All heavy atoms as atom14 arrays in JSON, in Angstrom:
{
  "sequence": "GREEWDDRFGGLPSAPPVVTSDELTPGGLRDRLERTPGDGLTGEEFRA",
  "atom14_mask": [
    [1, 1, 1, 1, 0, 0, 0, 0, 0, 0, 0, 0, 0, 0],
    [1, 1, 1, 1, 1, 1, 1, 1, 1, 1, 1, 0, 0, 0],
    [1, 1, 1, 1, 1, 1, 1, 1, 1, 0, 0, 0, 0, 0],
    [1, 1, 1, 1, 1, 1, 1, 1, 1, 0, 0, 0, 0, 0],
    [1, 1, 1, 1, 1, 1, 1, 1, 1, 1, 1, 1, 1, 1],
    [1, 1, 1, 1, 1, 1, 1, 1, 0, 0, 0, 0, 0, 0],
    [1, 1, 1, 1, 1, 1, 1, 1, 0, 0, 0, 0, 0, 0],
    [1, 1, 1, 1, 1, 1, 1, 1, 1, 1, 1, 0, 0, 0],
    [1, 1, 1, 1, 1, 1, 1, 1, 1, 1, 1, 0, 0, 0],
    [1, 1, 1, 1, 0, 0, 0, 0, 0, 0, 0, 0, 0, 0],
    [1, 1, 1, 1, 0, 0, 0, 0, 0, 0, 0, 0, 0, 0],
    [1, 1, 1, 1, 1, 1, 1, 1, 0, 0, 0, 0, 0, 0],
    [1, 1, 1, 1, 1, 1, 1, 0, 0, 0, 0, 0, 0, 0],
    [1, 1, 1, 1, 1, 1, 0, 0, 0, 0, 0, 0, 0, 0],
    [1, 1, 1, 1, 1, 0, 0, 0, 0, 0, 0, 0, 0, 0],
    [1, 1, 1, 1, 1, 1, 1, 0, 0, 0, 0, 0, 0, 0],
    [1, 1, 1, 1, 1, 1, 1, 0, 0, 0, 0, 0, 0, 0],
    [1, 1, 1, 1, 1, 1, 1, 0, 0, 0, 0, 0, 0, 0],
    [1, 1, 1, 1, 1, 1, 1, 0, 0, 0, 0, 0, 0, 0],
    [1, 1, 1, 1, 1, 1, 1, 0, 0, 0, 0, 0, 0, 0],
    [1, 1, 1, 1, 1, 1, 0, 0, 0, 0, 0, 0, 0, 0],
    [1, 1, 1, 1, 1, 1, 1, 1, 0, 0, 0, 0, 0, 0],
    [1, 1, 1, 1, 1, 1, 1, 1, 1, 0, 0, 0, 0, 0],
    [1, 1, 1, 1, 1, 1, 1, 1, 0, 0, 0, 0, 0, 0],
    [1, 1, 1, 1, 1, 1, 1, 0, 0, 0, 0, 0, 0, 0],
    [1, 1, 1, 1, 1, 1, 1, 0, 0, 0, 0, 0, 0, 0],
    [1, 1, 1, 1, 0, 0, 0, 0, 0, 0, 0, 0, 0, 0],
    [1, 1, 1, 1, 0, 0, 0, 0, 0, 0, 0, 0, 0, 0],
    [1, 1, 1, 1, 1, 1, 1, 1, 0, 0, 0, 0, 0, 0],
    [1, 1, 1, 1, 1, 1, 1, 1, 1, 1, 1, 0, 0, 0],
    [1, 1, 1, 1, 1, 1, 1, 1, 0, 0, 0, 0, 0, 0],
    [1, 1, 1, 1, 1, 1, 1, 1, 1, 1, 1, 0, 0, 0],
    [1, 1, 1, 1, 1, 1, 1, 1, 0, 0, 0, 0, 0, 0],
    [1, 1, 1, 1, 1, 1, 1, 1, 1, 0, 0, 0, 0, 0],
    [1, 1, 1, 1, 1, 1, 1, 1, 1, 1, 1, 0, 0, 0],
    [1, 1, 1, 1, 1, 1, 1, 0, 0, 0, 0, 0, 0, 0],
    [1, 1, 1, 1, 1, 1, 1, 0, 0, 0, 0, 0, 0, 0],
    [1, 1, 1, 1, 0, 0, 0, 0, 0, 0, 0, 0, 0, 0],
    [1, 1, 1, 1, 1, 1, 1, 1, 0, 0, 0, 0, 0, 0],
    [1, 1, 1, 1, 0, 0, 0, 0, 0, 0, 0, 0, 0, 0],
    [1, 1, 1, 1, 1, 1, 1, 1, 0, 0, 0, 0, 0, 0],
    [1, 1, 1, 1, 1, 1, 1, 0, 0, 0, 0, 0, 0, 0],
    [1, 1, 1, 1, 0, 0, 0, 0, 0, 0, 0, 0, 0, 0],
    [1, 1, 1, 1, 1, 1, 1, 1, 1, 0, 0, 0, 0, 0],
    [1, 1, 1, 1, 1, 1, 1, 1, 1, 0, 0, 0, 0, 0],
    [1, 1, 1, 1, 1, 1, 1, 1, 1, 1, 1, 0, 0, 0],
    [1, 1, 1, 1, 1, 1, 1, 1, 1, 1, 1, 0, 0, 0],
    [1, 1, 1, 1, 1, 0, 0, 0, 0, 0, 0, 0, 0, 0]
  ],
  "atom14_positions": [
    [[190.16, 92.28, 52.52], [190.64, 93.55, 52.01], [189.5, 94.45, 51.56], [188.39, 93.99, 51.27], [0.0, 0.0, 0.0], [0.0, 0.0, 0.0], [0.0, 0.0, 0.0], [0.0, 0.0, 0.0], [0.0, 0.0, 0.0], [0.0, 0.0, 0.0], [0.0, 0.0, 0.0], [0.0, 0.0, 0.0], [0.0, 0.0, 0.0], [0.0, 0.0, 0.0]],
    [[189.8, 95.75, 51.42], [188.77, 96.72, 51.02], [188.24, 96.43, 49.61], [187.03, 96.47, 49.37], [189.37, 98.13, 51.08], [188.49, 99.23, 50.46], [187.11, 99.31, 51.06], [187.13, 99.67, 52.46], [186.03, 99.81, 53.22], [184.83, 99.57, 52.69], [186.12, 100.11, 54.48], [0.0, 0.0, 0.0], [0.0, 0.0, 0.0], [0.0, 0.0, 0.0]],
    [[189.12, 96.15, 48.68], [188.67, 95.9, 47.31], [187.77, 94.68, 47.24], [186.72, 94.68, 46.58], [189.88, 95.73, 46.4], [189.52, 95.55, 44.93], [190.74, 95.49, 44.03], [191.86, 95.76, 44.51], [190.57, 95.15, 42.84], [0.0, 0.0, 0.0], [0.0, 0.0, 0.0], [0.0, 0.0, 0.0], [0.0, 0.0, 0.0], [0.0, 0.0, 0.0]],
    [[188.17, 93.62, 47.94], [187.37, 92.39, 47.95], [186.01, 92.65, 48.57], [184.97, 92.14, 48.08], [188.14, 91.32, 48.71], [187.57, 89.92, 48.59], [188.47, 88.89, 49.25], [189.27, 89.27, 50.13], [188.36, 87.71, 48.88], [0.0, 0.0, 0.0], [0.0, 0.0, 0.0], [0.0, 0.0, 0.0], [0.0, 0.0, 0.0], [0.0, 0.0, 0.0]],
    [[185.97, 93.4, 49.65], [184.7, 93.72, 50.3], [183.79, 94.55, 49.4], [182.61, 94.26, 49.23], [184.96, 94.45, 51.61], [183.7, 94.96, 52.28], [183.16, 96.2, 52.16], [182.79, 94.21, 53.09], [181.99, 96.31, 52.87], [181.74, 95.08, 53.45], [182.78, 92.9, 53.55], [180.68, 94.68, 54.26], [181.72, 92.51, 54.36], [180.69, 93.39, 54.71]],
    [[184.35, 95.6, 48.81], [183.55, 96.49, 47.97], [183.02, 95.77, 46.74], [181.89, 96.02, 46.29], [184.37, 97.71, 47.55], [184.58, 98.69, 48.7], [183.86, 98.57, 49.71], [185.45, 99.56, 48.58], [0.0, 0.0, 0.0], [0.0, 0.0, 0.0], [0.0, 0.0, 0.0], [0.0, 0.0, 0.0], [0.0, 0.0, 0.0], [0.0, 0.0, 0.0]],
    [[183.83, 94.86, 46.17], [183.37, 94.11, 45.0], [182.14, 93.28, 45.31], [181.21, 93.18, 44.49], [184.49, 93.2, 44.49], [185.58, 93.97, 43.76], [185.34, 95.15, 43.42], [186.67, 93.4, 43.56], [0.0, 0.0, 0.0], [0.0, 0.0, 0.0], [0.0, 0.0, 0.0], [0.0, 0.0, 0.0], [0.0, 0.0, 0.0], [0.0, 0.0, 0.0]],
    [[182.09, 92.69, 46.49], [180.99, 91.79, 46.81], [179.81, 92.49, 47.49], [178.65, 92.19, 47.23], [181.48, 90.66, 47.72], [182.44, 89.7, 47.02], [182.62, 88.45, 47.86], [181.35, 87.77, 48.11], [181.2, 86.78, 48.98], [182.24, 86.37, 49.69], [180.02, 86.22, 49.15], [0.0, 0.0, 0.0], [0.0, 0.0, 0.0], [0.0, 0.0, 0.0]],
    [[180.12, 93.44, 48.42], [179.04, 93.98, 49.25], [178.95, 95.5, 49.24], [178.04, 96.06, 49.86], [179.24, 93.51, 50.71], [179.37, 92.02, 50.85], [180.58, 91.45, 51.24], [178.29, 91.18, 50.59], [180.71, 90.08, 51.38], [178.42, 89.81, 50.72], [179.63, 89.25, 51.12], [0.0, 0.0, 0.0], [0.0, 0.0, 0.0], [0.0, 0.0, 0.0]],
    [[179.86, 96.16, 48.58], [179.9, 97.62, 48.63], [178.65, 98.28, 48.1], [178.3, 99.39, 48.54], [0.0, 0.0, 0.0], [0.0, 0.0, 0.0], [0.0, 0.0, 0.0], [0.0, 0.0, 0.0], [0.0, 0.0, 0.0], [0.0, 0.0, 0.0], [0.0, 0.0, 0.0], [0.0, 0.0, 0.0], [0.0, 0.0, 0.0], [0.0, 0.0, 0.0]],
    [[177.97, 97.63, 47.17], [176.78, 98.25, 46.59], [175.5, 97.97, 47.33], [174.43, 98.51, 46.98], [0.0, 0.0, 0.0], [0.0, 0.0, 0.0], [0.0, 0.0, 0.0], [0.0, 0.0, 0.0], [0.0, 0.0, 0.0], [0.0, 0.0, 0.0], [0.0, 0.0, 0.0], [0.0, 0.0, 0.0], [0.0, 0.0, 0.0], [0.0, 0.0, 0.0]],
    [[175.57, 97.13, 48.4], [174.35, 96.8, 49.13], [173.93, 97.96, 50.04], [174.76, 98.5, 50.79], [174.56, 95.56, 50.0], [174.8, 94.23, 49.26], [175.06, 93.13, 50.28], [173.59, 93.88, 48.41], [0.0, 0.0, 0.0], [0.0, 0.0, 0.0], [0.0, 0.0, 0.0], [0.0, 0.0, 0.0], [0.0, 0.0, 0.0], [0.0, 0.0, 0.0]],
    [[172.66, 98.35, 50.0], [172.21, 99.43, 50.9], [172.31, 99.02, 52.37], [172.4, 99.89, 53.25], [170.77, 99.67, 50.47], [170.34, 98.42, 49.77], [171.58, 97.88, 49.11], [0.0, 0.0, 0.0], [0.0, 0.0, 0.0], [0.0, 0.0, 0.0], [0.0, 0.0, 0.0], [0.0, 0.0, 0.0], [0.0, 0.0, 0.0], [0.0, 0.0, 0.0]],
    [[172.3, 97.71, 52.64], [172.35, 97.24, 54.03], [173.77, 96.96, 54.5], [173.96, 96.53, 55.63], [171.52, 95.97, 54.19], [172.01, 94.94, 53.32], [0.0, 0.0, 0.0], [0.0, 0.0, 0.0], [0.0, 0.0, 0.0], [0.0, 0.0, 0.0], [0.0, 0.0, 0.0], [0.0, 0.0, 0.0], [0.0, 0.0, 0.0], [0.0, 0.0, 0.0]],
    [[174.76, 97.17, 53.62], [176.14, 96.89, 54.02], [176.57, 97.84, 55.14], [176.42, 99.06, 55.0], [177.07, 97.03, 52.82], [0.0, 0.0, 0.0], [0.0, 0.0, 0.0], [0.0, 0.0, 0.0], [0.0, 0.0, 0.0], [0.0, 0.0, 0.0], [0.0, 0.0, 0.0], [0.0, 0.0, 0.0], [0.0, 0.0, 0.0], [0.0, 0.0, 0.0]],
    [[177.1, 97.33, 56.23], [177.47, 98.19, 57.37], [178.83, 98.84, 57.15], [179.61, 98.39, 56.31], [177.53, 97.2, 58.53], [177.99, 95.93, 57.88], [177.35, 95.9, 56.51], [0.0, 0.0, 0.0], [0.0, 0.0, 0.0], [0.0, 0.0, 0.0], [0.0, 0.0, 0.0], [0.0, 0.0, 0.0], [0.0, 0.0, 0.0], [0.0, 0.0, 0.0]],
    [[179.14, 99.88, 57.93], [180.49, 100.44, 57.89], [181.49, 99.4, 58.41], [181.28, 98.81, 59.47], [180.41, 101.64, 58.85], [178.96, 101.92, 59.01], [178.26, 100.62, 58.85], [0.0, 0.0, 0.0], [0.0, 0.0, 0.0], [0.0, 0.0, 0.0], [0.0, 0.0, 0.0], [0.0, 0.0, 0.0], [0.0, 0.0, 0.0], [0.0, 0.0, 0.0]],
    [[182.54, 99.16, 57.64], [183.53, 98.17, 58.03], [184.92, 98.78, 58.0], [185.17, 99.78, 57.33], [183.49, 96.93, 57.1], [182.15, 96.23, 57.2], [183.81, 97.31, 55.67], [0.0, 0.0, 0.0], [0.0, 0.0, 0.0], [0.0, 0.0, 0.0], [0.0, 0.0, 0.0], [0.0, 0.0, 0.0], [0.0, 0.0, 0.0], [0.0, 0.0, 0.0]],
    [[185.81, 98.17, 58.78], [187.24, 98.47, 58.73], [187.92, 97.21, 58.23], [187.85, 96.16, 58.86], [187.79, 98.84, 60.12], [189.29, 99.09, 60.05], [187.08, 100.07, 60.68], [0.0, 0.0, 0.0], [0.0, 0.0, 0.0], [0.0, 0.0, 0.0], [0.0, 0.0, 0.0], [0.0, 0.0, 0.0], [0.0, 0.0, 0.0], [0.0, 0.0, 0.0]],
    [[188.55, 97.3, 57.08], [189.14, 96.13, 56.44], [190.63, 96.05, 56.75], [191.21, 96.94, 57.38], [188.92, 96.18, 54.93], [189.58, 97.34, 54.41], [187.43, 96.25, 54.61], [0.0, 0.0, 0.0], [0.0, 0.0, 0.0], [0.0, 0.0, 0.0], [0.0, 0.0, 0.0], [0.0, 0.0, 0.0], [0.0, 0.0, 0.0], [0.0, 0.0, 0.0]],
    [[191.25, 94.97, 56.28], [192.66, 94.74, 56.57], [193.54, 95.87, 56.05], [194.56, 96.2, 56.67], [193.11, 93.4, 55.98], [192.93, 93.4, 54.57], [0.0, 0.0, 0.0], [0.0, 0.0, 0.0], [0.0, 0.0, 0.0], [0.0, 0.0, 0.0], [0.0, 0.0, 0.0], [0.0, 0.0, 0.0], [0.0, 0.0, 0.0], [0.0, 0.0, 0.0]],
    [[193.16, 96.48, 54.9], [193.95, 97.57, 54.34], [194.01, 98.78, 55.28], [194.96, 99.56, 55.24], [193.36, 98.04, 53.0], [193.0, 96.9, 52.08], [192.01, 96.2, 52.39], [193.71, 96.7, 51.08], [0.0, 0.0, 0.0], [0.0, 0.0, 0.0], [0.0, 0.0, 0.0], [0.0, 0.0, 0.0], [0.0, 0.0, 0.0], [0.0, 0.0, 0.0]],
    [[192.96, 98.92, 56.09], [192.85, 100.1, 56.95], [193.39, 99.87, 58.35], [193.32, 100.76, 59.2], [191.38, 100.53, 57.02], [190.87, 101.0, 55.66], [189.36, 100.89, 55.52], [188.79, 99.91, 56.03], [188.77, 101.77, 54.88], [0.0, 0.0, 0.0], [0.0, 0.0, 0.0], [0.0, 0.0, 0.0], [0.0, 0.0, 0.0], [0.0, 0.0, 0.0]],
    [[193.94, 98.68, 58.6], [194.49, 98.38, 59.91], [195.98, 98.72, 59.98], [196.8, 97.98, 60.51], [194.25, 96.92, 60.27], [192.78, 96.55, 60.53], [192.62, 95.07, 60.81], [192.23, 97.37, 61.7], [0.0, 0.0, 0.0], [0.0, 0.0, 0.0], [0.0, 0.0, 0.0], [0.0, 0.0, 0.0], [0.0, 0.0, 0.0], [0.0, 0.0, 0.0]],
    [[196.3, 99.86, 59.42], [197.61, 100.47, 59.58], [197.41, 101.7, 60.45], [196.29, 102.22, 60.56], [198.21, 100.89, 58.24], [197.38, 101.89, 57.65], [198.31, 99.69, 57.29], [0.0, 0.0, 0.0], [0.0, 0.0, 0.0], [0.0, 0.0, 0.0], [0.0, 0.0, 0.0], [0.0, 0.0, 0.0], [0.0, 0.0, 0.0], [0.0, 0.0, 0.0]],
    [[198.46, 102.2, 61.11], [198.26, 103.37, 61.98], [197.59, 104.53, 61.26], [196.61, 105.1, 61.75], [199.69, 103.72, 62.42], [200.4, 102.41, 62.41], [199.83, 101.66, 61.23], [0.0, 0.0, 0.0], [0.0, 0.0, 0.0], [0.0, 0.0, 0.0], [0.0, 0.0, 0.0], [0.0, 0.0, 0.0], [0.0, 0.0, 0.0], [0.0, 0.0, 0.0]],
    [[198.07, 104.87, 60.09], [197.46, 105.98, 59.36], [196.09, 105.64, 58.81], [195.18, 106.46, 58.84], [0.0, 0.0, 0.0], [0.0, 0.0, 0.0], [0.0, 0.0, 0.0], [0.0, 0.0, 0.0], [0.0, 0.0, 0.0], [0.0, 0.0, 0.0], [0.0, 0.0, 0.0], [0.0, 0.0, 0.0], [0.0, 0.0, 0.0], [0.0, 0.0, 0.0]],
    [[195.94, 104.4, 58.31], [194.67, 104.01, 57.71], [193.55, 103.96, 58.73], [192.43, 104.43, 58.46], [0.0, 0.0, 0.0], [0.0, 0.0, 0.0], [0.0, 0.0, 0.0], [0.0, 0.0, 0.0], [0.0, 0.0, 0.0], [0.0, 0.0, 0.0], [0.0, 0.0, 0.0], [0.0, 0.0, 0.0], [0.0, 0.0, 0.0], [0.0, 0.0, 0.0]],
    [[193.79, 103.38, 59.89], [192.75, 103.28, 60.9], [192.38, 104.65, 61.44], [191.2, 104.98, 61.62], [193.21, 102.37, 62.05], [192.21, 102.18, 63.18], [190.91, 101.58, 62.66], [192.79, 101.29, 64.27], [0.0, 0.0, 0.0], [0.0, 0.0, 0.0], [0.0, 0.0, 0.0], [0.0, 0.0, 0.0], [0.0, 0.0, 0.0], [0.0, 0.0, 0.0]],
    [[193.39, 105.47, 61.68], [193.11, 106.81, 62.2], [192.27, 107.61, 61.2], [191.3, 108.27, 61.57], [194.43, 107.53, 62.48], [194.25, 108.83, 63.24], [195.57, 109.52, 63.52], [195.32, 110.63, 64.41], [195.48, 110.6, 65.71], [195.9, 109.51, 66.3], [195.21, 111.66, 66.46], [0.0, 0.0, 0.0], [0.0, 0.0, 0.0], [0.0, 0.0, 0.0]],
    [[192.64, 107.52, 59.93], [191.89, 108.24, 58.9], [190.46, 107.72, 58.82], [189.51, 108.51, 58.68], [192.6, 108.09, 57.56], [191.85, 108.8, 56.44], [191.8, 110.04, 56.46], [191.31, 108.1, 55.55], [0.0, 0.0, 0.0], [0.0, 0.0, 0.0], [0.0, 0.0, 0.0], [0.0, 0.0, 0.0], [0.0, 0.0, 0.0], [0.0, 0.0, 0.0]],
    [[190.29, 106.4, 58.92], [188.95, 105.81, 58.82], [188.05, 106.32, 59.94], [186.87, 106.64, 59.72], [189.06, 104.28, 58.89], [187.72, 103.56, 58.72], [187.3, 103.59, 57.26], [186.06, 102.86, 57.06], [184.85, 103.4, 57.06], [184.71, 104.7, 57.27], [183.79, 102.65, 56.84], [0.0, 0.0, 0.0], [0.0, 0.0, 0.0], [0.0, 0.0, 0.0]],
    [[188.58, 106.38, 61.16], [187.76, 106.81, 62.29], [187.56, 108.32, 62.31], [186.5, 108.8, 62.73], [188.4, 106.35, 63.6], [188.51, 104.82, 63.8], [189.09, 104.51, 65.17], [187.16, 104.14, 63.63], [0.0, 0.0, 0.0], [0.0, 0.0, 0.0], [0.0, 0.0, 0.0], [0.0, 0.0, 0.0], [0.0, 0.0, 0.0], [0.0, 0.0, 0.0]],
    [[188.56, 109.06, 61.87], [188.42, 110.52, 61.89], [187.46, 111.03, 60.82], [187.02, 112.2, 60.88], [189.8, 111.18, 61.71], [190.68, 111.06, 62.96], [192.03, 111.72, 62.78], [192.42, 111.97, 61.62], [192.71, 111.98, 63.8], [0.0, 0.0, 0.0], [0.0, 0.0, 0.0], [0.0, 0.0, 0.0], [0.0, 0.0, 0.0], [0.0, 0.0, 0.0]],
    [[187.12, 110.18, 59.84], [186.15, 110.6, 58.81], [184.7, 110.42, 59.26], [183.78, 110.68, 58.5], [186.39, 109.82, 57.52], [187.61, 110.3, 56.76], [187.72, 109.66, 55.38], [188.28, 108.32, 55.41], [187.61, 107.22, 55.1], [186.33, 107.28, 54.76], [188.2, 106.03, 55.13], [0.0, 0.0, 0.0], [0.0, 0.0, 0.0], [0.0, 0.0, 0.0]],
    [[184.51, 110.01, 60.52], [183.15, 109.88, 61.02], [182.55, 111.26, 61.26], [183.27, 112.21, 61.6], [183.14, 109.09, 62.34], [184.01, 109.74, 63.27], [183.6, 107.66, 62.13], [0.0, 0.0, 0.0], [0.0, 0.0, 0.0], [0.0, 0.0, 0.0], [0.0, 0.0, 0.0], [0.0, 0.0, 0.0], [0.0, 0.0, 0.0], [0.0, 0.0, 0.0]],
    [[181.25, 111.41, 61.11], [180.63, 112.72, 61.32], [180.56, 113.09, 62.8], [180.61, 112.23, 63.67], [179.22, 112.53, 60.75], [178.95, 111.07, 60.87], [180.27, 110.39, 60.67], [0.0, 0.0, 0.0], [0.0, 0.0, 0.0], [0.0, 0.0, 0.0], [0.0, 0.0, 0.0], [0.0, 0.0, 0.0], [0.0, 0.0, 0.0], [0.0, 0.0, 0.0]],
    [[180.44, 114.37, 63.08], [180.33, 114.83, 64.47], [181.43, 115.81, 64.82], [182.47, 115.88, 64.15], [0.0, 0.0, 0.0], [0.0, 0.0, 0.0], [0.0, 0.0, 0.0], [0.0, 0.0, 0.0], [0.0, 0.0, 0.0], [0.0, 0.0, 0.0], [0.0, 0.0, 0.0], [0.0, 0.0, 0.0], [0.0, 0.0, 0.0], [0.0, 0.0, 0.0]],
    [[181.19, 116.59, 65.86], [182.11, 117.64, 66.27], [183.0, 117.26, 67.44], [183.73, 118.11, 67.96], [181.32, 118.91, 66.64], [180.54, 119.46, 65.46], [181.02, 119.3, 64.32], [179.45, 120.02, 65.69], [0.0, 0.0, 0.0], [0.0, 0.0, 0.0], [0.0, 0.0, 0.0], [0.0, 0.0, 0.0], [0.0, 0.0, 0.0], [0.0, 0.0, 0.0]],
    [[182.96, 116.03, 67.87], [183.77, 115.65, 69.01], [183.16, 116.16, 70.31], [181.98, 116.51, 70.39], [0.0, 0.0, 0.0], [0.0, 0.0, 0.0], [0.0, 0.0, 0.0], [0.0, 0.0, 0.0], [0.0, 0.0, 0.0], [0.0, 0.0, 0.0], [0.0, 0.0, 0.0], [0.0, 0.0, 0.0], [0.0, 0.0, 0.0], [0.0, 0.0, 0.0]],
    [[183.97, 116.21, 71.37], [183.5, 116.54, 72.71], [184.27, 117.72, 73.27], [185.45, 117.92, 72.97], [183.69, 115.34, 73.64], [183.03, 114.01, 73.23], [183.5, 112.9, 74.14], [181.53, 114.14, 73.29], [0.0, 0.0, 0.0], [0.0, 0.0, 0.0], [0.0, 0.0, 0.0], [0.0, 0.0, 0.0], [0.0, 0.0, 0.0], [0.0, 0.0, 0.0]],
    [[183.59, 118.49, 74.1], [184.29, 119.5, 74.89], [185.09, 118.79, 75.98], [184.89, 117.61, 76.26], [183.31, 120.48, 75.53], [182.52, 119.77, 76.51], [182.39, 121.11, 74.49], [0.0, 0.0, 0.0], [0.0, 0.0, 0.0], [0.0, 0.0, 0.0], [0.0, 0.0, 0.0], [0.0, 0.0, 0.0], [0.0, 0.0, 0.0], [0.0, 0.0, 0.0]],
    [[185.99, 119.53, 76.62], [186.77, 118.94, 77.7], [185.89, 118.43, 78.82], [186.12, 117.34, 79.37], [0.0, 0.0, 0.0], [0.0, 0.0, 0.0], [0.0, 0.0, 0.0], [0.0, 0.0, 0.0], [0.0, 0.0, 0.0], [0.0, 0.0, 0.0], [0.0, 0.0, 0.0], [0.0, 0.0, 0.0], [0.0, 0.0, 0.0], [0.0, 0.0, 0.0]],
    [[184.88, 119.2, 79.18], [183.97, 118.79, 80.26], [183.17, 117.56, 79.87], [182.98, 116.64, 80.67], [183.04, 119.94, 80.61], [182.12, 119.66, 81.79], [181.26, 120.86, 82.16], [181.62, 121.98, 81.76], [180.25, 120.65, 82.85], [0.0, 0.0, 0.0], [0.0, 0.0, 0.0], [0.0, 0.0, 0.0], [0.0, 0.0, 0.0], [0.0, 0.0, 0.0]],
    [[182.71, 117.51, 78.61], [181.95, 116.35, 78.15], [182.83, 115.11, 78.13], [182.39, 114.02, 78.53], [181.39, 116.61, 76.75], [180.24, 117.6, 76.72], [179.81, 117.94, 75.3], [180.69, 117.89, 74.39], [178.64, 118.26, 75.1], [0.0, 0.0, 0.0], [0.0, 0.0, 0.0], [0.0, 0.0, 0.0], [0.0, 0.0, 0.0], [0.0, 0.0, 0.0]],
    [[184.07, 115.27, 77.68], [184.96, 114.11, 77.65], [185.2, 113.57, 79.05], [185.16, 112.35, 79.27], [186.29, 114.47, 76.98], [187.3, 113.36, 77.06], [187.23, 112.29, 76.18], [188.29, 113.36, 78.03], [188.14, 111.24, 76.27], [189.2, 112.33, 78.12], [189.13, 111.27, 77.23], [0.0, 0.0, 0.0], [0.0, 0.0, 0.0], [0.0, 0.0, 0.0]],
    [[185.46, 114.46, 80.01], [185.72, 114.0, 81.38], [184.51, 113.29, 81.96], [184.64, 112.29, 82.66], [186.14, 115.18, 82.25], [187.55, 115.68, 81.96], [187.99, 116.71, 82.99], [187.22, 117.94, 82.91], [187.52, 118.96, 82.11], [188.57, 118.88, 81.31], [186.78, 120.06, 82.11], [0.0, 0.0, 0.0], [0.0, 0.0, 0.0], [0.0, 0.0, 0.0]],
    [[183.31, 113.8, 81.66], [182.1, 113.16, 82.17], [181.9, 111.78, 81.55], [181.58, 110.8, 82.24], [180.88, 114.05, 81.91], [0.0, 0.0, 0.0], [0.0, 0.0, 0.0], [0.0, 0.0, 0.0], [0.0, 0.0, 0.0], [0.0, 0.0, 0.0], [0.0, 0.0, 0.0], [0.0, 0.0, 0.0], [0.0, 0.0, 0.0], [0.0, 0.0, 0.0]]
  ]
}
């Protein structure tokens, strides 16, 4: 779970981005991935 992960490893500078069990819901996973930085792709870039 997210709380368990953050309690043990959340403060480590080397801790990687993780998706925990709490975020494996349709809304939670979508929100987690949509919070990533970047502007996405144009239609032409996506097709390529």
